[in-house]
């Protein structure tokens, strides 16, 4: 994602990532239903931890027209995952590890 330069390119990269993650979760599930946010958010948090993205900057420069689309939903998911990580402390992390 760091090779992407514009907020639109970064958001498109994140959208592709979340689509791939959702497809993998769907394939690993016992039913054909789409994965809920309760399932996708922890996985998205894990992906962000492992990928360590730098210079996201989407929030500052985002295109308001794209926020009412699939990209907008993806952006909200990413924003929630980043906010969770921003507020996480090591004691809480130990509690979450046992839930995985």
N, C-alpha and C. Protein backbone atom coordinates (compact mmCIF):
# COMPACT_ATOMS: atom_id res chain seq x y z
N UNK A 1 0.81 -1.18 0.00
CA UNK A 1 0.00 0.00 0.00
C UNK A 1 0.86 1.26 0.00
N UNK A 2 2.05 1.18 0.54
CA UNK A 2 2.90 2.36 0.62
C UNK A 2 3.36 2.86 -0.76
N UNK A 3 3.29 1.99 -1.76
CA UNK A 3 3.68 2.45 -3.11
C UNK A 3 2.55 3.25 -3.76
N UNK A 4 1.35 3.15 -3.23
CA UNK A 4 0.22 3.94 -3.73
C UNK A 4 0.40 5.38 -3.25
N UNK A 5 0.14 6.33 -4.13
CA UNK A 5 0.44 7.71 -3.78
C UNK A 5 -0.79 8.54 -3.42
N UNK A 6 -1.89 8.33 -4.09
CA UNK A 6 -3.07 9.17 -3.82
C UNK A 6 -3.99 8.48 -2.82
N UNK A 7 -4.80 9.24 -2.11
CA UNK A 7 -5.77 8.64 -1.20
C UNK A 7 -6.71 7.68 -1.93
N UNK A 8 -7.08 8.02 -3.14
CA UNK A 8 -7.97 7.16 -3.93
C UNK A 8 -7.29 5.81 -4.22
N UNK A 9 -6.02 5.84 -4.58
CA UNK A 9 -5.27 4.60 -4.84
C UNK A 9 -5.13 3.77 -3.57
N UNK A 10 -4.87 4.43 -2.46
CA UNK A 10 -4.73 3.73 -1.18
C UNK A 10 -6.06 3.09 -0.78
N UNK A 11 -7.15 3.83 -0.98
CA UNK A 11 -8.46 3.30 -0.64
C UNK A 11 -8.82 2.12 -1.53
N UNK A 12 -8.48 2.20 -2.80
CA UNK A 12 -8.73 1.08 -3.72
C UNK A 12 -7.93 -0.15 -3.30
N UNK A 13 -6.69 0.05 -2.86
CA UNK A 13 -5.86 -1.05 -2.37
C UNK A 13 -6.48 -1.69 -1.13
N UNK A 14 -6.96 -0.85 -0.21
CA UNK A 14 -7.61 -1.36 1.00
C UNK A 14 -8.90 -2.09 0.66
N UNK A 15 -9.63 -1.58 -0.32
CA UNK A 15 -10.87 -2.23 -0.74
C UNK A 15 -10.58 -3.62 -1.30
N UNK A 16 -9.56 -3.74 -2.12
CA UNK A 16 -9.18 -5.04 -2.66
C UNK A 16 -8.77 -6.00 -1.54
N UNK A 17 -8.06 -5.49 -0.56
CA UNK A 17 -7.65 -6.30 0.58
C UNK A 17 -8.87 -6.81 1.35
N UNK A 18 -9.82 -5.92 1.62
CA UNK A 18 -10.99 -6.34 2.38
C UNK A 18 -11.87 -7.29 1.57
N UNK A 19 -11.94 -7.10 0.25
CA UNK A 19 -12.70 -8.04 -0.59
C UNK A 19 -12.06 -9.44 -0.53
N UNK A 20 -10.74 -9.47 -0.64
CA UNK A 20 -10.04 -10.76 -0.58
C UNK A 20 -10.23 -11.41 0.78
N UNK A 21 -10.10 -10.62 1.84
CA UNK A 21 -10.30 -11.14 3.20
C UNK A 21 -11.72 -11.70 3.36
N UNK A 22 -12.71 -10.97 2.86
CA UNK A 22 -14.10 -11.40 2.97
C UNK A 22 -14.33 -12.70 2.21
N UNK A 23 -13.75 -12.81 1.03
CA UNK A 23 -13.88 -14.05 0.25
C UNK A 23 -13.25 -15.23 0.98
N UNK A 24 -12.08 -15.02 1.56
CA UNK A 24 -11.41 -16.10 2.30
C UNK A 24 -12.25 -16.51 3.50
N UNK A 25 -12.79 -15.53 4.22
CA UNK A 25 -13.64 -15.84 5.37
C UNK A 25 -14.90 -16.59 4.94
N UNK A 26 -15.46 -16.21 3.81
CA UNK A 26 -16.65 -16.88 3.29
C UNK A 26 -16.33 -18.33 2.92
N UNK A 27 -15.18 -18.54 2.29
CA UNK A 27 -14.77 -19.89 1.90
C UNK A 27 -14.49 -20.78 3.11
N UNK A 28 -14.00 -20.18 4.18
CA UNK A 28 -13.66 -20.96 5.37
C UNK A 28 -14.87 -21.16 6.29
N UNK A 29 -15.98 -20.54 5.96
CA UNK A 29 -17.19 -20.63 6.77
C UNK A 29 -18.02 -21.85 6.36
N UNK A 30 -18.91 -22.24 7.25
CA UNK A 30 -19.79 -23.36 6.97
C UNK A 30 -21.04 -22.96 6.18
N UNK A 31 -21.25 -21.66 6.01
CA UNK A 31 -22.42 -21.22 5.25
C UNK A 31 -21.98 -20.25 4.16
N UNK A 32 -22.92 -19.93 3.27
CA UNK A 32 -22.61 -19.06 2.13
C UNK A 32 -22.88 -17.58 2.42
N UNK A 33 -23.21 -17.26 3.65
CA UNK A 33 -23.52 -15.88 3.99
C UNK A 33 -22.23 -15.04 4.05
N UNK A 34 -22.40 -13.76 3.77
CA UNK A 34 -21.27 -12.84 3.88
C UNK A 34 -20.84 -12.71 5.34
N UNK A 35 -19.58 -12.52 5.55
CA UNK A 35 -19.05 -12.37 6.91
C UNK A 35 -19.54 -11.06 7.51
N UNK A 36 -19.93 -11.10 8.77
CA UNK A 36 -20.40 -9.89 9.45
C UNK A 36 -19.21 -9.07 9.94
N UNK A 37 -19.50 -7.85 10.36
CA UNK A 37 -18.44 -6.98 10.89
C UNK A 37 -17.80 -7.60 12.13
N UNK A 38 -18.57 -8.40 12.89
CA UNK A 38 -18.01 -9.07 14.07
C UNK A 38 -16.90 -10.03 13.69
N UNK A 39 -16.94 -10.54 12.48
CA UNK A 39 -15.91 -11.47 12.00
C UNK A 39 -14.83 -10.71 11.23
N UNK A 40 -15.24 -9.76 10.41
CA UNK A 40 -14.26 -9.08 9.56
C UNK A 40 -13.36 -8.12 10.33
N UNK A 41 -13.90 -7.41 11.32
CA UNK A 41 -13.10 -6.42 12.03
C UNK A 41 -11.88 -7.02 12.72
N UNK A 42 -12.01 -8.10 13.50
CA UNK A 42 -10.79 -8.68 14.10
C UNK A 42 -9.76 -9.13 13.07
N UNK A 43 -10.25 -9.65 11.95
CA UNK A 43 -9.32 -10.07 10.90
C UNK A 43 -8.64 -8.88 10.25
N UNK A 44 -9.39 -7.81 10.06
CA UNK A 44 -8.82 -6.59 9.51
C UNK A 44 -7.78 -5.99 10.45
N UNK A 45 -8.05 -6.03 11.73
CA UNK A 45 -7.08 -5.55 12.73
C UNK A 45 -5.79 -6.37 12.63
N UNK A 46 -5.94 -7.67 12.52
CA UNK A 46 -4.78 -8.56 12.40
C UNK A 46 -3.98 -8.23 11.13
N UNK A 47 -4.67 -8.01 10.02
CA UNK A 47 -4.00 -7.68 8.76
C UNK A 47 -3.23 -6.37 8.90
N UNK A 48 -3.84 -5.39 9.55
CA UNK A 48 -3.15 -4.10 9.74
C UNK A 48 -1.92 -4.25 10.63
N UNK A 49 -2.03 -5.07 11.66
CA UNK A 49 -0.88 -5.30 12.54
C UNK A 49 0.26 -5.94 11.75
N UNK A 50 -0.07 -6.96 10.97
CA UNK A 50 0.96 -7.68 10.23
C UNK A 50 1.55 -6.86 9.07
N UNK A 51 0.73 -6.03 8.43
CA UNK A 51 1.21 -5.30 7.26
C UNK A 51 1.90 -3.98 7.61
N UNK A 52 1.62 -3.45 8.79
CA UNK A 52 2.24 -2.21 9.27
C UNK A 52 2.22 -1.09 8.22
N UNK A 53 1.03 -0.73 7.73
CA UNK A 53 1.00 0.31 6.69
C UNK A 53 1.46 1.66 7.23
N UNK A 54 2.12 2.41 6.39
CA UNK A 54 2.59 3.75 6.74
C UNK A 54 1.87 4.75 5.84
N UNK A 55 1.82 5.97 6.25
CA UNK A 55 1.31 7.06 5.43
C UNK A 55 -0.05 6.77 4.80
N UNK A 56 -1.03 6.44 5.62
CA UNK A 56 -2.36 6.15 5.08
C UNK A 56 -3.02 7.44 4.58
N UNK A 57 -3.11 8.46 5.38
CA UNK A 57 -3.58 9.81 4.99
C UNK A 57 -4.93 9.87 4.28
N UNK A 58 -5.68 8.82 4.24
CA UNK A 58 -6.94 8.84 3.51
C UNK A 58 -7.94 9.79 4.16
N UNK A 59 -7.99 9.80 5.46
CA UNK A 59 -8.98 10.62 6.16
C UNK A 59 -8.87 12.09 5.82
N UNK A 60 -7.67 12.57 5.68
CA UNK A 60 -7.45 13.99 5.43
C UNK A 60 -7.84 14.37 3.99
N UNK A 61 -7.56 13.49 3.04
CA UNK A 61 -7.71 13.84 1.63
C UNK A 61 -8.81 13.06 0.90
N UNK A 62 -9.67 12.39 1.63
CA UNK A 62 -10.66 11.53 0.98
C UNK A 62 -11.66 12.32 0.13
N UNK A 63 -12.17 11.65 -0.89
CA UNK A 63 -13.18 12.22 -1.79
C UNK A 63 -14.56 11.91 -1.19
N UNK A 64 -15.31 12.93 -0.84
CA UNK A 64 -16.61 12.73 -0.18
C UNK A 64 -17.58 11.91 -1.02
N UNK A 65 -17.50 11.99 -2.35
CA UNK A 65 -18.40 11.23 -3.21
C UNK A 65 -18.19 9.72 -3.07
N UNK A 66 -16.97 9.31 -2.77
CA UNK A 66 -16.66 7.88 -2.64
C UNK A 66 -17.05 7.33 -1.27
N UNK A 67 -17.38 8.20 -0.34
CA UNK A 67 -17.70 7.75 1.01
C UNK A 67 -19.10 7.15 1.11
N UNK A 68 -19.90 7.26 0.07
CA UNK A 68 -21.25 6.70 0.06
C UNK A 68 -21.32 5.42 -0.75
N UNK A 69 -20.19 4.78 -0.94
CA UNK A 69 -20.12 3.60 -1.78
C UNK A 69 -19.45 2.45 -1.01
N UNK A 70 -19.13 1.42 -1.75
CA UNK A 70 -18.40 0.29 -1.18
C UNK A 70 -17.07 0.76 -0.60
N UNK A 71 -16.44 1.72 -1.26
CA UNK A 71 -15.19 2.28 -0.75
C UNK A 71 -15.41 2.99 0.58
N UNK A 72 -16.55 3.64 0.71
CA UNK A 72 -16.88 4.33 1.96
C UNK A 72 -17.03 3.35 3.11
N UNK A 73 -17.71 2.23 2.85
CA UNK A 73 -17.87 1.20 3.88
C UNK A 73 -16.51 0.63 4.27
N UNK A 74 -15.68 0.39 3.28
CA UNK A 74 -14.32 -0.11 3.53
C UNK A 74 -13.55 0.89 4.38
N UNK A 75 -13.67 2.17 4.04
CA UNK A 75 -12.98 3.22 4.78
C UNK A 75 -13.41 3.23 6.25
N UNK A 76 -14.70 3.09 6.49
CA UNK A 76 -15.22 3.07 7.86
C UNK A 76 -14.66 1.87 8.62
N UNK A 77 -14.59 0.71 7.97
CA UNK A 77 -14.01 -0.47 8.61
C UNK A 77 -12.54 -0.24 8.98
N UNK A 78 -11.78 0.30 8.04
CA UNK A 78 -10.37 0.58 8.29
C UNK A 78 -10.21 1.59 9.41
N UNK A 79 -11.03 2.62 9.37
CA UNK A 79 -10.98 3.66 10.39
C UNK A 79 -11.26 3.06 11.77
N UNK A 80 -12.25 2.18 11.85
CA UNK A 80 -12.57 1.52 13.12
C UNK A 80 -11.43 0.65 13.61
N UNK A 81 -10.82 -0.10 12.70
CA UNK A 81 -9.69 -0.96 13.07
C UNK A 81 -8.50 -0.13 13.54
N UNK A 82 -8.23 0.95 12.84
CA UNK A 82 -7.10 1.82 13.24
C UNK A 82 -7.37 2.48 14.58
N UNK A 83 -8.60 2.90 14.82
CA UNK A 83 -8.95 3.53 16.10
C UNK A 83 -8.79 2.52 17.23
N UNK A 84 -9.21 1.28 17.00
CA UNK A 84 -9.05 0.23 17.99
C UNK A 84 -7.57 0.07 18.34
N UNK A 85 -6.72 -0.02 17.32
CA UNK A 85 -5.29 -0.20 17.54
C UNK A 85 -4.67 1.01 18.23
N UNK A 86 -5.15 2.18 17.87
CA UNK A 86 -4.65 3.42 18.48
C UNK A 86 -4.91 3.45 19.98
N UNK A 87 -6.04 2.91 20.40
CA UNK A 87 -6.44 2.98 21.81
C UNK A 87 -6.07 1.73 22.61
N UNK A 88 -5.48 0.75 21.97
CA UNK A 88 -5.16 -0.52 22.62
C UNK A 88 -3.96 -0.38 23.54
N UNK A 89 -4.03 -1.02 24.71
CA UNK A 89 -2.85 -1.07 25.57
C UNK A 89 -2.46 -2.54 25.76
N UNK A 90 -1.28 -2.78 26.28
CA UNK A 90 -0.75 -4.14 26.37
C UNK A 90 -1.59 -5.06 27.26
N UNK A 91 -2.17 -4.54 28.33
CA UNK A 91 -3.02 -5.36 29.19
C UNK A 91 -4.25 -5.85 28.44
N UNK A 92 -4.85 -4.96 27.66
CA UNK A 92 -6.01 -5.36 26.87
C UNK A 92 -5.62 -6.35 25.79
N UNK A 93 -4.45 -6.17 25.23
CA UNK A 93 -3.99 -7.06 24.17
C UNK A 93 -3.94 -8.50 24.66
N UNK A 94 -3.46 -8.72 25.87
CA UNK A 94 -3.43 -10.07 26.43
C UNK A 94 -4.82 -10.67 26.51
N UNK A 95 -5.82 -9.87 26.84
CA UNK A 95 -7.20 -10.36 26.90
C UNK A 95 -7.70 -10.75 25.52
N UNK A 96 -7.39 -9.96 24.51
CA UNK A 96 -7.85 -10.23 23.15
C UNK A 96 -7.16 -11.45 22.56
N UNK A 97 -5.91 -11.67 22.91
CA UNK A 97 -5.18 -12.82 22.38
C UNK A 97 -5.86 -14.12 22.80
N UNK A 98 -6.38 -14.17 24.01
CA UNK A 98 -7.04 -15.37 24.48
C UNK A 98 -8.37 -15.61 23.77
N UNK A 99 -8.94 -14.59 23.17
CA UNK A 99 -10.21 -14.73 22.45
C UNK A 99 -10.02 -15.30 21.05
N UNK A 100 -8.80 -15.20 20.53
CA UNK A 100 -8.53 -15.65 19.16
C UNK A 100 -8.47 -17.16 19.08
